[in-house]
Amino acid sequence: MTIKKKLEAIERSIDLTGPYGNAYYLLASANDYARQLGLDQKKIQEEMKAGDYENLVEVFDKHFGDFVTLYR
């Protein structure tokens, strides 16, 4: 049985057109969120890197969309 932790109830948002919308920031954020939630960081990172920037954003949203709002 896996117990997932909940992220603190702080509204998180990332403006993809701003300085935090770059791929490196999203990958680092995904790594932090995955660790906090007890998810497989390596698997998520590989999935995010498997395509272009749009794929990276879609995978980030798939895994962390309940916790982070992405804006364009």
Protein backbone atom coordinates (compact mmCIF):
# COMPACT_ATOMS: atom_id res chain seq x y z
CA MET A 1 0.00 0.00 0.00
CA THR A 2 1.32 3.43 -0.96
CA ILE A 3 0.34 6.48 1.02
CA LYS A 4 0.71 9.72 -0.89
CA LYS A 5 1.34 12.93 0.98
CA LYS A 6 -0.68 16.01 0.20
CA LEU A 7 1.07 19.22 -0.71
CA GLU A 8 0.37 22.12 1.58
CA ALA A 9 -2.79 23.99 0.74
CA ILE A 10 -0.94 26.87 -0.87
CA GLU A 11 -2.10 28.10 -4.24
CA ARG A 12 0.66 27.39 -6.70
CA SER A 13 0.73 28.79 -10.19
CA ILE A 14 3.33 29.09 -12.93
CA ASP A 15 3.16 31.62 -15.74
CA LEU A 16 4.60 29.72 -18.70
CA THR A 17 5.36 33.00 -20.50
CA GLY A 18 7.45 34.28 -17.59
CA PRO A 19 10.85 33.36 -16.21
CA TYR A 20 9.47 30.29 -14.41
CA GLY A 21 7.95 28.82 -17.55
CA ASN A 22 11.22 27.44 -18.87
CA ALA A 23 11.82 23.70 -19.17
CA TYR A 24 14.53 23.61 -16.51
CA TYR A 25 12.30 25.20 -13.88
CA LEU A 26 9.40 22.88 -14.73
CA LEU A 27 11.66 19.82 -14.52
CA ALA A 28 13.05 20.94 -11.15
CA SER A 29 9.55 21.69 -9.85
CA ALA A 30 8.29 18.31 -11.03
CA ASN A 31 11.17 16.65 -9.21
CA ASP A 32 10.32 18.47 -5.97
CA TYR A 33 6.58 17.78 -6.21
CA ALA A 34 7.13 14.12 -7.07
CA ARG A 35 9.41 13.71 -4.05
CA GLN A 36 6.86 15.38 -1.77
CA LEU A 37 4.04 13.20 -3.11
CA GLY A 38 6.01 9.96 -3.05
CA LEU A 39 5.90 9.56 -6.85
CA ASP A 40 8.61 8.07 -9.06
CA GLN A 41 10.71 11.14 -9.87
CA LYS A 42 12.86 9.42 -12.48
CA LYS A 43 9.88 8.04 -14.41
CA ILE A 44 8.15 11.43 -14.51
CA GLN A 45 11.37 13.20 -15.57
CA GLU A 46 11.91 10.69 -18.40
CA GLU A 47 8.31 11.11 -19.55
CA MET A 48 8.66 14.89 -19.52
CA LYS A 49 11.91 14.74 -21.53
CA ALA A 50 10.52 12.28 -24.10
CA GLY A 51 9.18 15.02 -26.38
CA ASP A 52 9.15 18.72 -27.05
CA TYR A 53 8.23 21.59 -24.71
CA GLU A 54 4.50 21.04 -25.22
CA ASN A 55 4.91 17.41 -24.16
CA LEU A 56 6.84 18.54 -21.09
CA VAL A 57 4.01 20.91 -20.11
CA GLU A 58 1.32 18.27 -20.74
CA VAL A 59 3.12 15.67 -18.63
CA PHE A 60 3.68 18.21 -15.84
CA ASP A 61 -0.02 19.08 -15.91
CA LYS A 62 -1.02 15.40 -15.97
CA HIS A 63 0.92 14.64 -12.80
CA PHE A 64 0.66 17.93 -10.90
CA GLY A 65 -2.33 19.77 -12.40
CA ASP A 66 -4.32 19.19 -9.19
CA PHE A 67 -1.68 21.16 -7.26
CA VAL A 68 -0.30 23.70 -9.73
CA THR A 69 -2.11 25.97 -12.18
CA LEU A 70 -0.23 26.66 -15.40
CA TYR A 71 -0.94 29.95 -17.22
CA ARG A 72 -0.06 31.09 -20.74
